[in-house]
Amino acid sequence: MEKQRQIDALWSQCQSLEADMRYGPLRESFTVLIPPPWDTETEPAARALQGKIKEWSRQYPDVICYCFDSFSTMLYVL
Protein backbone atom coordinates (compact mmCIF):
# COMPACT_ATOMS: atom_id res chain seq x y z
CA MET A 1 0.00 0.00 0.00
CA GLU A 2 1.49 3.36 -0.95
CA LYS A 3 2.33 5.74 1.88
CA GLN A 4 -0.34 8.34 1.11
CA ARG A 5 -3.04 5.68 1.06
CA GLN A 6 -1.85 4.42 4.45
CA ILE A 7 -2.07 7.82 6.13
CA ASP A 8 -5.45 8.49 4.48
CA ALA A 9 -6.79 5.11 5.63
CA LEU A 10 -5.70 5.80 9.19
CA TRP A 11 -7.26 9.29 8.98
CA SER A 12 -10.55 7.64 8.02
CA GLN A 13 -10.36 5.30 11.02
CA CYS A 14 -9.60 8.15 13.41
CA GLN A 15 -12.56 10.23 12.22
CA SER A 16 -14.82 8.18 14.47
CA LEU A 17 -12.99 9.53 17.54
CA GLU A 18 -14.15 12.55 19.49
CA ALA A 19 -11.04 14.57 18.73
CA ASP A 20 -9.75 17.50 16.71
CA MET A 21 -7.86 16.18 13.67
CA ARG A 22 -5.75 18.23 11.29
CA TYR A 23 -3.74 17.23 8.25
CA GLY A 24 -0.26 18.66 7.75
CA PRO A 25 0.28 20.97 4.76
CA LEU A 26 1.36 18.16 2.41
CA ARG A 27 -1.10 15.58 3.81
CA GLU A 28 1.79 13.32 4.81
CA SER A 29 0.92 13.71 8.47
CA PHE A 30 -1.92 14.58 10.79
CA THR A 31 -2.41 15.38 14.43
CA VAL A 32 -5.11 14.18 16.77
CA LEU A 33 -5.87 16.45 19.71
CA ILE A 34 -8.20 15.49 22.50
CA PRO A 35 -10.47 18.44 23.29
CA PRO A 36 -9.99 20.34 26.58
CA PRO A 37 -10.11 20.25 29.49
CA TRP A 38 -6.63 18.78 29.75
CA ASP A 39 -6.46 17.69 33.33
CA THR A 40 -5.99 14.63 35.51
CA GLU A 41 -9.69 13.78 35.37
CA THR A 42 -9.78 13.49 31.57
CA GLU A 43 -6.32 11.94 31.18
CA PRO A 44 -7.43 8.27 31.51
CA ALA A 45 -9.98 8.68 28.71
CA ALA A 46 -7.39 10.51 26.59
CA ARG A 47 -4.86 7.71 27.15
CA ALA A 48 -7.46 5.12 26.14
CA LEU A 49 -8.14 7.00 22.91
CA GLN A 50 -4.42 7.31 22.27
CA GLY A 51 -4.05 3.55 22.82
CA LYS A 52 -6.68 2.93 20.16
CA ILE A 53 -4.81 5.19 17.72
CA LYS A 54 -1.53 3.37 18.43
CA GLU A 55 -3.20 0.02 17.86
CA TRP A 56 -4.72 1.14 14.56
CA SER A 57 -1.43 2.62 13.35
CA ARG A 58 0.33 -0.77 13.70
CA GLN A 59 -1.51 -2.09 10.65
CA TYR A 60 0.23 0.47 8.42
CA PRO A 61 3.96 -0.31 8.09
CA ASP A 62 4.99 3.16 6.86
CA VAL A 63 3.06 5.14 9.49
CA ILE A 64 4.83 6.40 12.60
CA CYS A 65 2.76 7.22 15.68
CA TYR A 66 4.30 9.79 18.02
CA CYS A 67 2.63 10.84 21.25
CA PHE A 68 3.58 14.30 22.50
CA ASP A 69 1.64 13.79 25.72
CA SER A 70 -1.61 12.11 26.77
CA PHE A 71 -3.71 14.57 24.80
CA SER A 72 -1.89 14.95 21.46
CA THR A 73 -0.71 12.43 18.89
CA MET A 74 1.00 12.91 15.56
CA LEU A 75 0.88 10.33 12.79
CA TYR A 76 3.13 10.58 9.75
CA VAL A 77 4.76 8.58 6.97
CA LEU A 78 8.47 8.47 6.25
PDB file of N, CA and C in Angstrom:
ATOM      1  N   MET A   1       0.863  -1.181   0.000  1.00  0.00           N
ATOM      2  CA  MET A   1       0.000   0.000   0.000  1.00  0.00           C
ATOM      3  C   MET A   1       0.902   1.235   0.000  1.00  0.00           C
ATOM      4  N   GLU A   2       0.651   2.167  -0.895  1.00  0.00           N
ATOM      5  CA  GLU A   2       1.490   3.359  -0.946  1.00  0.00           C
ATOM      6  C   GLU A   2       1.301   4.208   0.314  1.00  0.00           C
ATOM      7  N   LYS A   3       2.299   4.993   0.617  1.00  0.00           N
ATOM      8  CA  LYS A   3       2.326   5.740   1.876  1.00  0.00           C
ATOM      9  C   LYS A   3       1.136   6.683   2.044  1.00  0.00           C
ATOM     10  N   GLN A   4       0.782   7.405   0.999  1.00  0.00           N
ATOM     11  CA  GLN A   4      -0.341   8.344   1.110  1.00  0.00           C
ATOM     12  C   GLN A   4      -1.646   7.605   1.401  1.00  0.00           C
ATOM     13  N   ARG A   5      -1.818   6.461   0.807  1.00  0.00           N
ATOM     14  CA  ARG A   5      -3.036   5.678   1.061  1.00  0.00           C
ATOM     15  C   ARG A   5      -3.069   5.182   2.500  1.00  0.00           C
ATOM     16  N   GLN A   6      -1.901   4.871   3.061  1.00  0.00           N
ATOM     17  CA  GLN A   6      -1.851   4.415   4.447  1.00  0.00           C
ATOM     18  C   GLN A   6      -2.279   5.522   5.410  1.00  0.00           C
ATOM     19  N   ILE A   7      -1.739   6.717   5.216  1.00  0.00           N
ATOM     20  CA  ILE A   7      -2.075   7.818   6.128  1.00  0.00           C
ATOM     21  C   ILE A   7      -3.543   8.214   5.954  1.00  0.00           C
ATOM     22  N   ASP A   8      -4.035   8.176   4.723  1.00  0.00           N
ATOM     23  CA  ASP A   8      -5.446   8.494   4.480  1.00  0.00           C
ATOM     24  C   ASP A   8      -6.365   7.442   5.098  1.00  0.00           C
ATOM     25  N   ALA A   9      -5.978   6.179   5.031  1.00  0.00           N
ATOM     26  CA  ALA A   9      -6.786   5.115   5.625  1.00  0.00           C
ATOM     27  C   ALA A   9      -6.846   5.272   7.142  1.00  0.00           C
ATOM     28  N   LEU A  10      -5.722   5.604   7.750  1.00  0.00           N
ATOM     29  CA  LEU A  10      -5.700   5.802   9.194  1.00  0.00           C
ATOM     30  C   LEU A  10      -6.514   7.040   9.573  1.00  0.00           C
ATOM     31  N   TRP A  11      -6.430   8.081   8.772  1.00  0.00           N
ATOM     32  CA  TRP A  11      -7.259   9.286   8.981  1.00  0.00           C
ATOM     33  C   TRP A  11      -8.740   8.883   9.027  1.00  0.00           C
ATOM     34  N   SER A  12      -9.147   8.070   8.071  1.00  0.00           N
ATOM     35  CA  SER A  12     -10.546   7.636   8.021  1.00  0.00           C
ATOM     36  C   SER A  12     -10.941   6.892   9.292  1.00  0.00           C
ATOM     37  N   GLN A  13     -10.074   6.029   9.787  1.00  0.00           N
ATOM     38  CA  GLN A  13     -10.363   5.302  11.016  1.00  0.00           C
ATOM     39  C   GLN A  13     -10.510   6.270  12.197  1.00  0.00           C
ATOM     40  N   CYS A  14      -9.618   7.232  12.277  1.00  0.00           N
ATOM     41  CA  CYS A  14      -9.599   8.155  13.415  1.00  0.00           C
ATOM     42  C   CYS A  14     -10.770   9.132  13.409  1.00  0.00           C
ATOM     43  N   GLN A  15     -11.440   9.294  12.282  1.00  0.00           N
ATOM     44  CA  GLN A  15     -12.558  10.235  12.220  1.00  0.00           C
ATOM     45  C   GLN A  15     -13.709   9.851  13.145  1.00  0.00           C
ATOM     46  N   SER A  16     -13.760   8.602  13.568  1.00  0.00           N
ATOM     47  CA  SER A  16     -14.820   8.184  14.473  1.00  0.00           C
ATOM     48  C   SER A  16     -14.558   8.622  15.915  1.00  0.00           C
ATOM     49  N   LEU A  17     -13.357   9.111  16.186  1.00  0.00           N
ATOM     50  CA  LEU A  17     -12.986   9.529  17.536  1.00  0.00           C
ATOM     51  C   LEU A  17     -13.509  10.928  17.832  1.00  0.00           C
ATOM     52  N   GLU A  18     -13.758  11.196  19.087  1.00  0.00           N
ATOM     53  CA  GLU A  18     -14.150  12.547  19.494  1.00  0.00           C
ATOM     54  C   GLU A  18     -12.877  13.346  19.745  1.00  0.00           C
ATOM     55  N   ALA A  19     -12.317  13.863  18.646  1.00  0.00           N
ATOM     56  CA  ALA A  19     -11.042  14.568  18.725  1.00  0.00           C
ATOM     57  C   ALA A  19     -10.945  15.568  17.578  1.00  0.00           C
ATOM     58  N   ASP A  20     -10.030  16.515  17.745  1.00  0.00           N
ATOM     59  CA  ASP A  20      -9.745  17.501  16.706  1.00  0.00           C
ATOM     60  C   ASP A  20      -8.609  16.943  15.854  1.00  0.00           C
ATOM     61  N   MET A  21      -8.872  16.746  14.570  1.00  0.00           N
ATOM     62  CA  MET A  21      -7.863  16.184  13.670  1.00  0.00           C
ATOM     63  C   MET A  21      -7.502  17.209  12.603  1.00  0.00           C
ATOM     64  N   ARG A  22      -6.217  17.282  12.323  1.00  0.00           N
ATOM     65  CA  ARG A  22      -5.752  18.225  11.294  1.00  0.00           C
ATOM     66  C   ARG A  22      -4.626  17.615  10.482  1.00  0.00           C
ATOM     67  N   TYR A  23      -4.802  17.665   9.164  1.00  0.00           N
ATOM     68  CA  TYR A  23      -3.740  17.225   8.255  1.00  0.00           C
ATOM     69  C   TYR A  23      -2.615  18.255   8.238  1.00  0.00           C
ATOM     70  N   GLY A  24      -1.397  17.778   7.998  1.00  0.00           N
ATOM     71  CA  GLY A  24      -0.262  18.657   7.751  1.00  0.00           C
ATOM     72  C   GLY A  24      -0.392  19.261   6.364  1.00  0.00           C
ATOM     73  N   PRO A  25       0.424  20.258   6.029  1.00  0.00           N
ATOM     74  CA  PRO A  25       0.282  20.972   4.759  1.00  0.00           C
ATOM     75  C   PRO A  25       0.411  20.088   3.515  1.00  0.00           C
ATOM     76  N   LEU A  26       1.183  19.025   3.575  1.00  0.00           N
ATOM     77  CA  LEU A  26       1.357  18.161   2.405  1.00  0.00           C
ATOM     78  C   LEU A  26       0.573  16.847   2.541  1.00  0.00           C
ATOM     79  N   ARG A  27      -0.277  16.758   3.542  1.00  0.00           N
ATOM     80  CA  ARG A  27      -1.095  15.578   3.808  1.00  0.00           C
ATOM     81  C   ARG A  27      -0.272  14.322   4.033  1.00  0.00           C
ATOM     82  N   GLU A  28       0.969  14.480   4.484  1.00  0.00           N
ATOM     83  CA  GLU A  28       1.792  13.325   4.813  1.00  0.00           C
ATOM     84  C   GLU A  28       1.785  13.052   6.315  1.00  0.00           C
ATOM     85  N   SER A  29       1.032  13.872   7.029  1.00  0.00           N
ATOM     86  CA  SER A  29       0.921  13.713   8.474  1.00  0.00           C
ATOM     87  C   SER A  29      -0.405  14.305   8.936  1.00  0.00           C
ATOM     88  N   PHE A  30      -0.794  13.909  10.149  1.00  0.00           N
ATOM     89  CA  PHE A  30      -1.920  14.579  10.792  1.00  0.00           C
ATOM     90  C   PHE A  30      -1.774  14.462  12.294  1.00  0.00           C
ATOM     91  N   THR A  31      -2.422  15.386  12.975  1.00  0.00           N
ATOM     92  CA  THR A  31      -2.412  15.376  14.431  1.00  0.00           C
ATOM     93  C   THR A  31      -3.822  15.073  14.931  1.00  0.00           C
ATOM     94  N   VAL A  32      -3.851  14.462  16.089  1.00  0.00           N
ATOM     95  CA  VAL A  32      -5.115  14.176  16.769  1.00  0.00           C
ATOM     96  C   VAL A  32      -5.004  14.807  18.147  1.00  0.00           C
ATOM     97  N   LEU A  33      -5.870  15.757  18.421  1.00  0.00           N
ATOM     98  CA  LEU A  33      -5.872  16.450  19.708  1.00  0.00           C
ATOM     99  C   LEU A  33      -7.170  16.169  20.440  1.00  0.00           C
ATOM    100  N   ILE A  34      -7.036  15.716  21.660  1.00  0.00           N
ATOM    101  CA  ILE A  34      -8.202  15.488  22.501  1.00  0.00           C
ATOM    102  C   ILE A  34      -8.688  16.860  22.969  1.00  0.00           C
ATOM    103  N   PRO A  35      -9.982  17.128  22.893  1.00  0.00           N
ATOM    104  CA  PRO A  35     -10.467  18.441  23.294  1.00  0.00           C
ATOM    105  C   PRO A  35     -10.270  18.705  24.796  1.00  0.00           C
ATOM    106  N   PRO A  36     -10.102  19.983  25.168  1.00  0.00           N
ATOM    107  CA  PRO A  36      -9.988  20.342  26.584  1.00  0.00           C
ATOM    108  C   PRO A  36     -11.256  19.940  27.331  1.00  0.00           C
ATOM    109  N   PRO A  37     -11.206  19.842  28.610  1.00  0.00           N
ATOM    110  CA  PRO A  37     -10.112  20.252  29.489  1.00  0.00           C
ATOM    111  C   PRO A  37      -9.007  19.193  29.539  1.00  0.00           C
ATOM    112  N   TRP A  38      -7.791  19.650  29.640  1.00  0.00           N
ATOM    113  CA  TRP A  38      -6.628  18.784  29.747  1.00  0.00           C
ATOM    114  C   TRP A  38      -6.217  18.742  31.206  1.00  0.00           C
ATOM    115  N   ASP A  39      -6.744  17.777  31.908  1.00  0.00           N
ATOM    116  CA  ASP A  39      -6.457  17.686  33.332  1.00  0.00           C
ATOM    117  C   ASP A  39      -6.397  16.223  33.755  1.00  0.00           C
ATOM    118  N   THR A  40      -6.144  15.997  35.017  1.00  0.00           N
ATOM    119  CA  THR A  40      -5.987  14.627  35.507  1.00  0.00           C
ATOM    120  C   THR A  40      -7.283  13.825  35.437  1.00  0.00           C
ATOM    121  N   GLU A  41      -8.422  14.494  35.462  1.00  0.00           N
ATOM    122  CA  GLU A  41      -9.695  13.782  35.369  1.00  0.00           C
ATOM    123  C   GLU A  41      -9.941  13.224  33.972  1.00  0.00           C
ATOM    124  N   THR A  42      -9.533  13.935  32.941  1.00  0.00           N
ATOM    125  CA  THR A  42      -9.782  13.489  31.568  1.00  0.00           C
ATOM    126  C   THR A  42      -8.615  12.672  30.997  1.00  0.00           C
ATOM    127  N   GLU A  43      -7.502  12.639  31.702  1.00  0.00           N
ATOM    128  CA  GLU A  43      -6.323  11.944  31.177  1.00  0.00           C
ATOM    129  C   GLU A  43      -6.551  10.450  30.930  1.00  0.00           C
ATOM    130  N   PRO A  44      -7.213   9.693  31.814  1.00  0.00           N
ATOM    131  CA  PRO A  44      -7.428   8.268  31.514  1.00  0.00           C
ATOM    132  C   PRO A  44      -8.197   8.034  30.210  1.00  0.00           C
ATOM    133  N   ALA A  45      -9.221   8.817  29.960  1.00  0.00           N
ATOM    134  CA  ALA A  45      -9.975   8.681  28.708  1.00  0.00           C
ATOM    135  C   ALA A  45      -9.104   9.057  27.509  1.00  0.00           C
ATOM    136  N   ALA A  46      -8.285  10.097  27.669  1.00  0.00           N
ATOM    137  CA  ALA A  46      -7.387  10.511  26.586  1.00  0.00           C
ATOM    138  C   ALA A  46      -6.366   9.418  26.296  1.00  0.00           C
ATOM    139  N   ARG A  47      -5.831   8.803  27.329  1.00  0.00           N
ATOM    140  CA  ARG A  47      -4.864   7.709  27.146  1.00  0.00           C
ATOM    141  C   ARG A  47      -5.512   6.505  26.452  1.00  0.00           C
ATOM    142  N   ALA A  48      -6.748   6.225  26.781  1.00  0.00           N
ATOM    143  CA  ALA A  48      -7.462   5.116  26.137  1.00  0.00           C
ATOM    144  C   ALA A  48      -7.634   5.387  24.640  1.00  0.00           C
ATOM    145  N   LEU A  49      -7.998   6.610  24.303  1.00  0.00           N
ATOM    146  CA  LEU A  49      -8.144   7.002  22.906  1.00  0.00           C
ATOM    147  C   LEU A  49      -6.802   6.898  22.186  1.00  0.00           C
ATOM    148  N   GLN A  50      -5.764   7.358  22.844  1.00  0.00           N
ATOM    149  CA  GLN A  50      -4.425   7.306  22.268  1.00  0.00           C
ATOM    150  C   GLN A  50      -3.989   5.848  22.054  1.00  0.00           C
ATOM    151  N   GLY A  51      -4.356   4.971  22.975  1.00  0.00           N
ATOM    152  CA  GLY A  51      -4.048   3.549  22.820  1.00  0.00           C
ATOM    153  C   GLY A  51      -4.722   2.961  21.596  1.00  0.00           C
ATOM    154  N   LYS A  52      -5.949   3.382  21.344  1.00  0.00           N
ATOM    155  CA  LYS A  52      -6.681   2.929  20.165  1.00  0.00           C
ATOM    156  C   LYS A  52      -5.971   3.404  18.897  1.00  0.00           C
ATOM    157  N   ILE A  53      -5.517   4.646  18.888  1.00  0.00           N
ATOM    158  CA  ILE A  53      -4.812   5.188  17.720  1.00  0.00           C
ATOM    159  C   ILE A  53      -3.513   4.411  17.489  1.00  0.00           C
ATOM    160  N   LYS A  54      -2.771   4.146  18.553  1.00  0.00           N
ATOM    161  CA  LYS A  54      -1.528   3.373  18.431  1.00  0.00           C
ATOM    162  C   LYS A  54      -1.802   1.988  17.852  1.00  0.00           C
ATOM    163  N   GLU A  55      -2.847   1.350  18.346  1.00  0.00           N
ATOM    164  CA  GLU A  55      -3.201   0.016  17.860  1.00  0.00           C
ATOM    165  C   GLU A  55      -3.536   0.061  16.372  1.00  0.00           C
ATOM    166  N   TRP A  56      -4.363   1.016  15.974  1.00  0.00           N
ATOM    167  CA  TRP A  56      -4.722   1.141  14.563  1.00  0.00           C
ATOM    168  C   TRP A  56      -3.503   1.407  13.698  1.00  0.00           C
ATOM    169  N   SER A  57      -2.581   2.238  14.169  1.00  0.00           N
ATOM    170  CA  SER A  57      -1.425   2.618  13.350  1.00  0.00           C
ATOM    171  C   SER A  57      -0.505   1.429  13.061  1.00  0.00           C
ATOM    172  N   ARG A  58      -0.549   0.401  13.890  1.00  0.00           N
ATOM    173  CA  ARG A  58       0.329  -0.768  13.699  1.00  0.00           C
ATOM    174  C   ARG A  58       0.018  -1.535  12.415  1.00  0.00           C
ATOM    175  N   GLN A  59      -1.168  -1.362  11.872  1.00  0.00           N
ATOM    176  CA  GLN A  59      -1.511  -2.088  10.650  1.00  0.00           C
ATOM    177  C   GLN A  59      -0.963  -1.416   9.386  1.00  0.00           C
ATOM    178  N   TYR A  60      -0.332  -0.270   9.551  1.00  0.00           N
ATOM    179  CA  TYR A  60       0.233   0.473   8.419  1.00  0.00           C
ATOM    180  C   TYR A  60       1.747   0.564   8.603  1.00  0.00           C
ATOM    181  N   PRO A  61       2.514  -0.212   7.854  1.00  0.00           N
ATOM    182  CA  PRO A  61       3.958  -0.315   8.086  1.00  0.00           C
ATOM    183  C   PRO A  61       4.748   0.989   7.899  1.00  0.00           C
ATOM    184  N   ASP A  62       4.254   1.910   7.101  1.00  0.00           N
ATOM    185  CA  ASP A  62       4.990   3.158   6.862  1.00  0.00           C
ATOM    186  C   ASP A  62       4.548   4.310   7.756  1.00  0.00           C
ATOM    187  N   VAL A  63       3.575   4.079   8.618  1.00  0.00           N
ATOM    188  CA  VAL A  63       3.057   5.138   9.491  1.00  0.00           C
ATOM    189  C   VAL A  63       3.763   5.088  10.843  1.00  0.00           C
ATOM    190  N   ILE A  64       4.211   6.246  11.284  1.00  0.00           N
ATOM    191  CA  ILE A  64       4.826   6.405  12.597  1.00  0.00           C
ATOM    192  C   ILE A  64       3.817   7.115  13.494  1.00  0.00           C
ATOM    193  N   CYS A  65       3.664   6.616  14.703  1.00  0.00           N
ATOM    194  CA  CYS A  65       2.761   7.218  15.680  1.00  0.00           C
ATOM    195  C   CYS A  65       3.615   7.804  16.794  1.00  0.00           C
ATOM    196  N   TYR A  66       3.516   9.111  16.982  1.00  0.00           N
ATOM    197  CA  TYR A  66       4.296   9.788  18.019  1.00  0.00           C
ATOM    198  C   TYR A  66       3.346  10.507  18.966  1.00  0.00           C
ATOM    199  N   CYS A  67       3.478  10.217  20.245  1.00  0.00           N
ATOM    200  CA  CYS A  67       2.627  10.840  21.250  1.00  0.00           C
ATOM    201  C   CYS A  67       3.408  11.938  21.966  1.00  0.00           C
ATOM    202  N   PHE A  68       2.941  13.172  21.824  1.00  0.00           N
ATOM    203  CA  PHE A  68       3.585  14.297  22.498  1.00  0.00           C
ATOM    204  C   PHE A  68       3.322  14.235  23.997  1.00  0.00           C
ATOM    205  N   ASP A  69       2.084  13.939  24.332  1.00  0.00           N
ATOM    206  CA  ASP A  69       1.638  13.793  25.718  1.00  0.00           C
ATOM    207  C   ASP A  69       0.342  12.994  25.663  1.00  0.00           C
ATOM    208  N   SER A  70      -0.380  12.913  26.738  1.00  0.00           N
ATOM    209  CA  SER A  70      -1.607  12.109  26.767  1.00  0.00           C
ATOM    210  C   SER A  70      -2.715  12.656  25.877  1.00  0.00           C
ATOM    211  N   PHE A  71      -2.618  13.920  25.498  1.00  0.00           N
ATOM    212  CA  PHE A  71      -3.713  14.573  24.801  1.00  0.00           C
ATOM    213  C   PHE A  71      -3.430  14.869  23.324  1.00  0.00           C
ATOM    214  N   SER A  72      -2.205  14.633  22.854  1.00  0.00           N
ATOM    215  CA  SER A  72      -1.894  14.950  21.459  1.00  0.00           C
ATOM    216  C   SER A  72      -1.016  13.862  20.853  1.00  0.00           C
ATOM    217  N   THR A  73      -1.383  13.502  19.632  1.00  0.00           N
ATOM    218  CA  THR A  73      -0.713  12.434  18.894  1.00  0.00           C
ATOM    219  C   THR A  73      -0.473  12.906  17.474  1.00  0.00           C
ATOM    220  N   MET A  74       0.700  12.593  16.951  1.00  0.00           N
ATOM    221  CA  MET A  74       0.996  12.905  15.556  1.00  0.00           C
ATOM    222  C   MET A  74       1.244  11.607  14.818  1.00  0.00           C
ATOM    223  N   LEU A  75       0.685  11.499  13.631  1.00  0.00           N
ATOM    224  CA  LEU A  75       0.880  10.335  12.786  1.00  0.00           C
ATOM    225  C   LEU A  75       1.448  10.815  11.460  1.00  0.00           C
ATOM    226  N   TYR A  76       2.493  10.142  10.989  1.00  0.00           N
ATOM    227  CA  TYR A  76       3.130  10.577   9.754  1.00  0.00           C
ATOM    228  C   TYR A  76       3.760   9.399   9.045  1.00  0.00           C
ATOM    229  N   VAL A  77       4.071   9.595   7.766  1.00  0.00           N
ATOM    230  CA  VAL A  77       4.763   8.580   6.974  1.00  0.00           C
ATOM    231  C   VAL A  77       6.165   9.079   6.667  1.00  0.00           C
ATOM    232  N   LEU A  78       7.074   8.128   6.582  1.00  0.00           N
ATOM    233  CA  LEU A  78       8.467   8.467   6.253  1.00  0.00           C
ATOM    234  C   LEU A  78       8.661   8.551   4.775  1.00  0.00           C
TER     235      LEU A  78
END
